[in-house]
Amino acid sequence: MHGFLSFRKFFTPELIHVVFWIGIGVCVLRGITMMATASVYHQAMGIVDGLIVLFVGPVIVRVVCEILMAVFQMHESITRDRV
């Protein structure tokens, strides 16, 4: 608790995990919604777009979250070496 209150331990890495799962959920729901809407209006391109969002979206969310985590890990290693 002391490390958290004195800013020695970051809150953001835990927050990034939450953002990751929310992002995955949004991609899955949006992809399914796009495909359902496209099938109602008989648009083949909308179904393809929904599949892209469904499968590529989570990969992009993962890459962005990993980049953010790498920044925080670099900061931790720099501050660990300095102390």
PDB file of N, CA and C in Angstrom:
ATOM      1  N   MET A   1       0.830  -1.192   0.000  1.00  0.00           N
ATOM      2  CA  MET A   1       0.000   0.000   0.000  1.00  0.00           C
ATOM      3  C   MET A   1       0.869   1.248   0.000  1.00  0.00           C
ATOM      4  N   HIS A   2       1.974   1.214   0.760  1.00  0.00           N
ATOM      5  CA  HIS A   2       2.859   2.376   0.827  1.00  0.00           C
ATOM      6  C   HIS A   2       3.479   2.659  -0.535  1.00  0.00           C
ATOM      7  N   GLY A   3       3.843   1.603  -1.264  1.00  0.00           N
ATOM      8  CA  GLY A   3       4.419   1.788  -2.596  1.00  0.00           C
ATOM      9  C   GLY A   3       3.428   2.422  -3.560  1.00  0.00           C
ATOM     10  N   PHE A   4       2.160   2.091  -3.391  1.00  0.00           N
ATOM     11  CA  PHE A   4       1.132   2.658  -4.256  1.00  0.00           C
ATOM     12  C   PHE A   4       0.906   4.132  -3.930  1.00  0.00           C
ATOM     13  N   LEU A   5       0.857   4.457  -2.636  1.00  0.00           N
ATOM     14  CA  LEU A   5       0.608   5.841  -2.236  1.00  0.00           C
ATOM     15  C   LEU A   5       1.809   6.750  -2.490  1.00  0.00           C
ATOM     16  N   SER A   6       3.001   6.197  -2.502  1.00  0.00           N
ATOM     17  CA  SER A   6       4.188   7.016  -2.766  1.00  0.00           C
ATOM     18  C   SER A   6       4.595   6.965  -4.241  1.00  0.00           C
ATOM     19  N   PHE A   7       3.735   6.425  -5.087  1.00  0.00           N
ATOM     20  CA  PHE A   7       3.942   6.339  -6.529  1.00  0.00           C
ATOM     21  C   PHE A   7       5.152   5.492  -6.908  1.00  0.00           C
ATOM     22  N   ARG A   8       5.522   4.532  -6.073  1.00  0.00           N
ATOM     23  CA  ARG A   8       6.582   3.585  -6.428  1.00  0.00           C
ATOM     24  C   ARG A   8       6.006   2.417  -7.228  1.00  0.00           C
ATOM     25  N   LYS A   9       4.736   2.156  -7.059  1.00  0.00           N
ATOM     26  CA  LYS A   9       4.044   1.115  -7.822  1.00  0.00           C
ATOM     27  C   LYS A   9       2.974   1.803  -8.661  1.00  0.00           C
ATOM     28  N   PHE A  10       2.927   1.448  -9.938  1.00  0.00           N
ATOM     29  CA  PHE A  10       2.002   2.109 -10.840  1.00  0.00           C
ATOM     30  C   PHE A  10       0.648   1.413 -10.856  1.00  0.00           C
ATOM     31  N   PHE A  11      -0.383   2.195 -11.016  1.00  0.00           N
ATOM     32  CA  PHE A  11      -1.743   1.714 -11.145  1.00  0.00           C
ATOM     33  C   PHE A  11      -2.061   1.390 -12.609  1.00  0.00           C
ATOM     34  N   THR A  12      -1.374   2.060 -13.520  1.00  0.00           N
ATOM     35  CA  THR A  12      -1.693   1.961 -14.935  1.00  0.00           C
ATOM     36  C   THR A  12      -1.533   0.560 -15.518  1.00  0.00           C
ATOM     37  N   PRO A  13      -0.497  -0.234 -15.170  1.00  0.00           N
ATOM     38  CA  PRO A  13      -0.434  -1.590 -15.750  1.00  0.00           C
ATOM     39  C   PRO A  13      -1.674  -2.437 -15.460  1.00  0.00           C
ATOM     40  N   GLU A  14      -2.232  -2.311 -14.271  1.00  0.00           N
ATOM     41  CA  GLU A  14      -3.464  -3.039 -13.980  1.00  0.00           C
ATOM     42  C   GLU A  14      -4.623  -2.476 -14.789  1.00  0.00           C
ATOM     43  N   LEU A  15      -4.622  -1.172 -14.985  1.00  0.00           N
ATOM     44  CA  LEU A  15      -5.660  -0.532 -15.773  1.00  0.00           C
ATOM     45  C   LEU A  15      -5.569  -0.954 -17.240  1.00  0.00           C
ATOM     46  N   ILE A  16      -4.370  -1.168 -17.735  1.00  0.00           N
ATOM     47  CA  ILE A  16      -4.193  -1.598 -19.119  1.00  0.00           C
ATOM     48  C   ILE A  16      -4.816  -2.979 -19.331  1.00  0.00           C
ATOM     49  N   HIS A  17      -4.731  -3.857 -18.338  1.00  0.00           N
ATOM     50  CA  HIS A  17      -5.380  -5.168 -18.449  1.00  0.00           C
ATOM     51  C   HIS A  17      -6.900  -5.020 -18.597  1.00  0.00           C
ATOM     52  N   VAL A  18      -7.474  -4.119 -17.829  1.00  0.00           N
ATOM     53  CA  VAL A  18      -8.915  -3.882 -17.912  1.00  0.00           C
ATOM     54  C   VAL A  18      -9.269  -3.307 -19.279  1.00  0.00           C
ATOM     55  N   VAL A  19      -8.477  -2.344 -19.751  1.00  0.00           N
ATOM     56  CA  VAL A  19      -8.715  -1.741 -21.066  1.00  0.00           C
ATOM     57  C   VAL A  19      -8.598  -2.800 -22.161  1.00  0.00           C
ATOM     58  N   PHE A  20      -7.657  -3.731 -22.010  1.00  0.00           N
ATOM     59  CA  PHE A  20      -7.499  -4.805 -22.987  1.00  0.00           C
ATOM     60  C   PHE A  20      -8.773  -5.634 -23.102  1.00  0.00           C
ATOM     61  N   TRP A  21      -9.313  -6.070 -21.976  1.00  0.00           N
ATOM     62  CA  TRP A  21     -10.505  -6.914 -22.022  1.00  0.00           C
ATOM     63  C   TRP A  21     -11.728  -6.143 -22.507  1.00  0.00           C
ATOM     64  N   ILE A  22     -11.813  -4.869 -22.148  1.00  0.00           N
ATOM     65  CA  ILE A  22     -12.913  -4.049 -22.669  1.00  0.00           C
ATOM     66  C   ILE A  22     -12.773  -3.898 -24.182  1.00  0.00           C
ATOM     67  N   GLY A  23     -11.556  -3.673 -24.654  1.00  0.00           N
ATOM     68  CA  GLY A  23     -11.315  -3.550 -26.090  1.00  0.00           C
ATOM     69  C   GLY A  23     -11.659  -4.818 -26.845  1.00  0.00           C
ATOM     70  N   ILE A  24     -11.312  -5.968 -26.278  1.00  0.00           N
ATOM     71  CA  ILE A  24     -11.663  -7.249 -26.900  1.00  0.00           C
ATOM     72  C   ILE A  24     -13.176  -7.390 -26.984  1.00  0.00           C
ATOM     73  N   GLY A  25     -13.863  -7.069 -25.896  1.00  0.00           N
ATOM     74  CA  GLY A  25     -15.320  -7.163 -25.889  1.00  0.00           C
ATOM     75  C   GLY A  25     -15.965  -6.237 -26.909  1.00  0.00           C
ATOM     76  N   VAL A  26     -15.449  -5.021 -27.023  1.00  0.00           N
ATOM     77  CA  VAL A  26     -15.992  -4.070 -27.995  1.00  0.00           C
ATOM     78  C   VAL A  26     -15.777  -4.578 -29.417  1.00  0.00           C
ATOM     79  N   CYS A  27     -14.591  -5.113 -29.693  1.00  0.00           N
ATOM     80  CA  CYS A  27     -14.315  -5.638 -31.043  1.00  0.00           C
ATOM     81  C   CYS A  27     -15.236  -6.800 -31.389  1.00  0.00           C
ATOM     82  N   VAL A  28     -15.430  -7.699 -30.450  1.00  0.00           N
ATOM     83  CA  VAL A  28     -16.293  -8.858 -30.709  1.00  0.00           C
ATOM     84  C   VAL A  28     -17.742  -8.412 -30.912  1.00  0.00           C
ATOM     85  N   LEU A  29     -18.235  -7.556 -30.022  1.00  0.00           N
ATOM     86  CA  LEU A  29     -19.611  -7.099 -30.164  1.00  0.00           C
ATOM     87  C   LEU A  29     -19.812  -6.285 -31.443  1.00  0.00           C
ATOM     88  N   ARG A  30     -18.857  -5.431 -31.761  1.00  0.00           N
ATOM     89  CA  ARG A  30     -18.971  -4.609 -32.964  1.00  0.00           C
ATOM     90  C   ARG A  30     -18.907  -5.476 -34.227  1.00  0.00           C
ATOM     91  N   GLY A  31     -18.018  -6.459 -34.238  1.00  0.00           N
ATOM     92  CA  GLY A  31     -17.921  -7.347 -35.390  1.00  0.00           C
ATOM     93  C   GLY A  31     -19.195  -8.127 -35.619  1.00  0.00           C
ATOM     94  N   ILE A  32     -19.762  -8.668 -34.551  1.00  0.00           N
ATOM     95  CA  ILE A  32     -21.010  -9.428 -34.671  1.00  0.00           C
ATOM     96  C   ILE A  32     -22.150  -8.515 -35.108  1.00  0.00           C
ATOM     97  N   THR A  33     -22.197  -7.300 -34.553  1.00  0.00           N
ATOM     98  CA  THR A  33     -23.234  -6.341 -34.928  1.00  0.00           C
ATOM     99  C   THR A  33     -23.123  -5.955 -36.401  1.00  0.00           C
ATOM    100  N   MET A  34     -21.899  -5.734 -36.864  1.00  0.00           N
ATOM    101  CA  MET A  34     -21.696  -5.375 -38.272  1.00  0.00           C
ATOM    102  C   MET A  34     -22.154  -6.496 -39.202  1.00  0.00           C
ATOM    103  N   MET A  35     -21.806  -7.733 -38.817  1.00  0.00           N
ATOM    104  CA  MET A  35     -22.219  -8.867 -39.659  1.00  0.00           C
ATOM    105  C   MET A  35     -23.732  -9.052 -39.655  1.00  0.00           C
ATOM    106  N   ALA A  36     -24.362  -8.886 -38.487  1.00  0.00           N
ATOM    107  CA  ALA A  36     -25.816  -9.051 -38.404  1.00  0.00           C
ATOM    108  C   ALA A  36     -26.524  -7.972 -39.204  1.00  0.00           C
ATOM    109  N   THR A  37     -26.049  -6.745 -39.090  1.00  0.00           N
ATOM    110  CA  THR A  37     -26.663  -5.650 -39.838  1.00  0.00           C
ATOM    111  C   THR A  37     -26.479  -5.853 -41.337  1.00  0.00           C
ATOM    112  N   ALA A  38     -25.300  -6.269 -41.741  1.00  0.00           N
ATOM    113  CA  ALA A  38     -25.035  -6.484 -43.169  1.00  0.00           C
ATOM    114  C   ALA A  38     -25.867  -7.632 -43.724  1.00  0.00           C
ATOM    115  N   SER A  39     -26.093  -8.649 -42.914  1.00  0.00           N
ATOM    116  CA  SER A  39     -26.890  -9.772 -43.420  1.00  0.00           C
ATOM    117  C   SER A  39     -28.354  -9.379 -43.576  1.00  0.00           C
ATOM    118  N   VAL A  40     -28.845  -8.477 -42.733  1.00  0.00           N
ATOM    119  CA  VAL A  40     -30.226  -8.013 -42.859  1.00  0.00           C
ATOM    120  C   VAL A  40     -30.402  -7.228 -44.157  1.00  0.00           C
ATOM    121  N   TYR A  41     -29.394  -6.407 -44.484  1.00  0.00           N
ATOM    122  CA  TYR A  41     -29.487  -5.580 -45.687  1.00  0.00           C
ATOM    123  C   TYR A  41     -28.824  -6.230 -46.907  1.00  0.00           C
ATOM    124  N   HIS A  42     -28.426  -7.462 -46.793  1.00  0.00           N
ATOM    125  CA  HIS A  42     -27.827  -8.235 -47.883  1.00  0.00           C
ATOM    126  C   HIS A  42     -26.604  -7.535 -48.485  1.00  0.00           C
ATOM    127  N   GLN A  43     -25.674  -7.151 -47.601  1.00  0.00           N
ATOM    128  CA  GLN A  43     -24.442  -6.500 -48.042  1.00  0.00           C
ATOM    129  C   GLN A  43     -23.271  -7.419 -47.713  1.00  0.00           C
ATOM    130  N   ALA A  44     -22.675  -7.981 -48.743  1.00  0.00           N
ATOM    131  CA  ALA A  44     -21.567  -8.914 -48.539  1.00  0.00           C
ATOM    132  C   ALA A  44     -20.340  -8.209 -47.963  1.00  0.00           C
ATOM    133  N   MET A  45     -20.112  -6.970 -48.390  1.00  0.00           N
ATOM    134  CA  MET A  45     -18.933  -6.250 -47.913  1.00  0.00           C
ATOM    135  C   MET A  45     -19.026  -5.955 -46.413  1.00  0.00           C
ATOM    136  N   GLY A  46     -20.228  -5.735 -45.926  1.00  0.00           N
ATOM    137  CA  GLY A  46     -20.423  -5.505 -44.499  1.00  0.00           C
ATOM    138  C   GLY A  46     -20.085  -6.742 -43.675  1.00  0.00           C
ATOM    139  N   ILE A  47     -20.381  -7.903 -44.221  1.00  0.00           N
ATOM    140  CA  ILE A  47     -20.044  -9.154 -43.529  1.00  0.00           C
ATOM    141  C   ILE A  47     -18.531  -9.321 -43.474  1.00  0.00           C
ATOM    142  N   VAL A  48     -17.863  -8.999 -44.578  1.00  0.00           N
ATOM    143  CA  VAL A  48     -16.394  -9.074 -44.599  1.00  0.00           C
ATOM    144  C   VAL A  48     -15.806  -8.079 -43.612  1.00  0.00           C
ATOM    145  N   ASP A  49     -16.343  -6.866 -43.573  1.00  0.00           N
ATOM    146  CA  ASP A  49     -15.873  -5.866 -42.614  1.00  0.00           C
ATOM    147  C   ASP A  49     -16.074  -6.344 -41.180  1.00  0.00           C
ATOM    148  N   GLY A  50     -17.210  -6.962 -40.913  1.00  0.00           N
ATOM    149  CA  GLY A  50     -17.466  -7.492 -39.576  1.00  0.00           C
ATOM    150  C   GLY A  50     -16.480  -8.582 -39.192  1.00  0.00           C
ATOM    151  N   LEU A  51     -16.152  -9.443 -40.140  1.00  0.00           N
ATOM    152  CA  LEU A  51     -15.163 -10.488 -39.869  1.00  0.00           C
ATOM    153  C   LEU A  51     -13.780  -9.895 -39.596  1.00  0.00           C
ATOM    154  N   ILE A  52     -13.444  -8.841 -40.345  1.00  0.00           N
ATOM    155  CA  ILE A  52     -12.149  -8.184 -40.124  1.00  0.00           C
ATOM    156  C   ILE A  52     -12.096  -7.586 -38.721  1.00  0.00           C
ATOM    157  N   VAL A  53     -13.165  -6.887 -38.341  1.00  0.00           N
ATOM    158  CA  VAL A  53     -13.208  -6.302 -36.991  1.00  0.00           C
ATOM    159  C   VAL A  53     -13.174  -7.397 -35.943  1.00  0.00           C
ATOM    160  N   LEU A  54     -13.848  -8.496 -36.197  1.00  0.00           N
ATOM    161  CA  LEU A  54     -13.929  -9.589 -35.236  1.00  0.00           C
ATOM    162  C   LEU A  54     -12.584 -10.265 -35.004  1.00  0.00           C
ATOM    163  N   PHE A  55     -11.777 -10.414 -36.070  1.00  0.00           N
ATOM    164  CA  PHE A  55     -10.521 -11.145 -35.930  1.00  0.00           C
ATOM    165  C   PHE A  55      -9.282 -10.249 -35.856  1.00  0.00           C
ATOM    166  N   VAL A  56      -9.280  -9.135 -36.571  1.00  0.00           N
ATOM    167  CA  VAL A  56      -8.099  -8.262 -36.579  1.00  0.00           C
ATOM    168  C   VAL A  56      -8.161  -7.256 -35.425  1.00  0.00           C
ATOM    169  N   GLY A  57      -9.356  -6.839 -35.056  1.00  0.00           N
ATOM    170  CA  GLY A  57      -9.518  -5.872 -33.972  1.00  0.00           C
ATOM    171  C   GLY A  57      -8.855  -6.291 -32.672  1.00  0.00           C
ATOM    172  N   PRO A  58      -9.106  -7.501 -32.174  1.00  0.00           N
ATOM    173  CA  PRO A  58      -8.447  -7.924 -30.938  1.00  0.00           C
ATOM    174  C   PRO A  58      -6.914  -7.979 -31.045  1.00  0.00           C
ATOM    175  N   VAL A  59      -6.404  -8.302 -32.224  1.00  0.00           N
ATOM    176  CA  VAL A  59      -4.945  -8.314 -32.397  1.00  0.00           C
ATOM    177  C   VAL A  59      -4.391  -6.901 -32.269  1.00  0.00           C
ATOM    178  N   ILE A  60      -5.077  -5.939 -32.871  1.00  0.00           N
ATOM    179  CA  ILE A  60      -4.625  -4.550 -32.778  1.00  0.00           C
ATOM    180  C   ILE A  60      -4.718  -4.043 -31.341  1.00  0.00           C
ATOM    181  N   VAL A  61      -5.791  -4.397 -30.641  1.00  0.00           N
ATOM    182  CA  VAL A  61      -5.929  -4.013 -29.231  1.00  0.00           C
ATOM    183  C   VAL A  61      -4.783  -4.605 -28.422  1.00  0.00           C
ATOM    184  N   ARG A  62      -4.437  -5.854 -28.685  1.00  0.00           N
ATOM    185  CA  ARG A  62      -3.354  -6.515 -27.963  1.00  0.00           C
ATOM    186  C   ARG A  62      -2.016  -5.823 -28.215  1.00  0.00           C
ATOM    187  N   VAL A  63      -1.746  -5.470 -29.469  1.00  0.00           N
ATOM    188  CA  VAL A  63      -0.478  -4.815 -29.811  1.00  0.00           C
ATOM    189  C   VAL A  63      -0.376  -3.464 -29.116  1.00  0.00           C
ATOM    190  N   VAL A  64      -1.449  -2.693 -29.130  1.00  0.00           N
ATOM    191  CA  VAL A  64      -1.433  -1.380 -28.481  1.00  0.00           C
ATOM    192  C   VAL A  64      -1.206  -1.531 -26.980  1.00  0.00           C
ATOM    193  N   CYS A  65      -1.872  -2.485 -26.362  1.00  0.00           N
ATOM    194  CA  CYS A  65      -1.687  -2.699 -24.917  1.00  0.00           C
ATOM    195  C   CYS A  65      -0.274  -3.182 -24.601  1.00  0.00           C
ATOM    196  N   GLU A  66       0.302  -4.020 -25.460  1.00  0.00           N
ATOM    197  CA  GLU A  66       1.669  -4.473 -25.236  1.00  0.00           C
ATOM    198  C   GLU A  66       2.661  -3.325 -25.360  1.00  0.00           C
ATOM    199  N   ILE A  67       2.427  -2.417 -26.292  1.00  0.00           N
ATOM    200  CA  ILE A  67       3.306  -1.253 -26.424  1.00  0.00           C
ATOM    201  C   ILE A  67       3.230  -0.399 -25.164  1.00  0.00           C
ATOM    202  N   LEU A  68       2.026  -0.185 -24.662  1.00  0.00           N
ATOM    203  CA  LEU A  68       1.885   0.586 -23.429  1.00  0.00           C
ATOM    204  C   LEU A  68       2.577  -0.106 -22.253  1.00  0.00           C
ATOM    205  N   MET A  69       2.419  -1.418 -22.157  1.00  0.00           N
ATOM    206  CA  MET A  69       3.074  -2.160 -21.075  1.00  0.00           C
ATOM    207  C   MET A  69       4.595  -2.086 -21.210  1.00  0.00           C
ATOM    208  N   ALA A  70       5.107  -2.125 -22.433  1.00  0.00           N
ATOM    209  CA  ALA A  70       6.554  -2.034 -22.643  1.00  0.00           C
ATOM    210  C   ALA A  70       7.088  -0.696 -22.168  1.00  0.00           C
ATOM    211  N   VAL A  71       6.338   0.366 -22.388  1.00  0.00           N
ATOM    212  CA  VAL A  71       6.767   1.685 -21.917  1.00  0.00           C
ATOM    213  C   VAL A  71       6.870   1.686 -20.397  1.00  0.00           C
ATOM    214  N   PHE A  72       5.898   1.125 -19.713  1.00  0.00           N
ATOM    215  CA  PHE A  72       5.943   1.092 -18.255  1.00  0.00           C
ATOM    216  C   PHE A  72       7.051   0.170 -17.748  1.00  0.00           C
ATOM    217  N   GLN A  73       7.308  -0.932 -18.427  1.00  0.00           N
ATOM    218  CA  GLN A  73       8.402  -1.813 -18.017  1.00  0.00           C
ATOM    219  C   GLN A  73       9.752  -1.149 -18.226  1.00  0.00           C
ATOM    220  N   MET A  74       9.893  -0.369 -19.298  1.00  0.00           N
ATOM    221  CA  MET A  74      11.143   0.369 -19.509  1.00  0.00           C
ATOM    222  C   MET A  74      11.341   1.385 -18.399  1.00  0.00           C
ATOM    223  N   HIS A  75      10.271   2.057 -18.020  1.00  0.00           N
ATOM    224  CA  HIS A  75      10.374   3.029 -16.934  1.00  0.00           C
ATOM    225  C   HIS A  75      10.773   2.355 -15.621  1.00  0.00           C
ATOM    226  N   GLU A  76      10.171   1.200 -15.339  1.00  0.00           N
ATOM    227  CA  GLU A  76      10.527   0.480 -14.117  1.00  0.00           C
ATOM    228  C   GLU A  76      11.977   0.053 -14.107  1.00  0.00           C
ATOM    229  N   SER A  77      12.480  -0.438 -15.233  1.00  0.00           N
ATOM    230  CA  SER A  77      13.866  -0.881 -15.273  1.00  0.00           C
ATOM    231  C   SER A  77      14.824   0.301 -15.175  1.00  0.00           C
ATOM    232  N   ILE A  78      14.477   1.444 -15.737  1.00  0.00           N
ATOM    233  CA  ILE A  78      15.327   2.626 -15.628  1.00  0.00           C
ATOM    234  C   ILE A  78      15.360   3.126 -14.195  1.00  0.00           C
ATOM    235  N   THR A  79      14.213   3.200 -13.544  1.00  0.00           N
ATOM    236  CA  THR A  79      14.182   3.691 -12.171  1.00  0.00           C
ATOM    237  C   THR A  79      14.802   2.680 -11.208  1.00  0.00           C
ATOM    238  N   ARG A  80      14.711   1.400 -11.513  1.00  0.00           N
ATOM    239  CA  ARG A  80      15.337   0.382 -10.659  1.00  0.00           C
ATOM    240  C   ARG A  80      16.856   0.498 -10.715  1.00  0.00           C
ATOM    241  N   ASP A  81      17.380   0.768 -11.905  1.00  0.00           N
ATOM    242  CA  ASP A  81      18.837   0.925 -12.049  1.00  0.00           C
ATOM    243  C   ASP A  81      19.332   2.201 -11.400  1.00  0.00           C
ATOM    244  N   ARG A  82      18.506   3.226 -11.348  1.00  0.00           N
ATOM    245  CA  ARG A  82      18.902   4.499 -10.798  1.00  0.00           C
ATOM    246  C   ARG A  82      18.954   4.485  -9.282  1.00  0.00           C
ATOM    247  N   VAL A  83      18.089   3.679  -8.645  1.00  0.00           N
ATOM    248  CA  VAL A  83      18.011   3.674  -7.176  1.00  0.00           C
ATOM    249  C   VAL A  83      19.024   2.788  -6.566  1.00  0.00           C
TER     250      VAL A  83
END
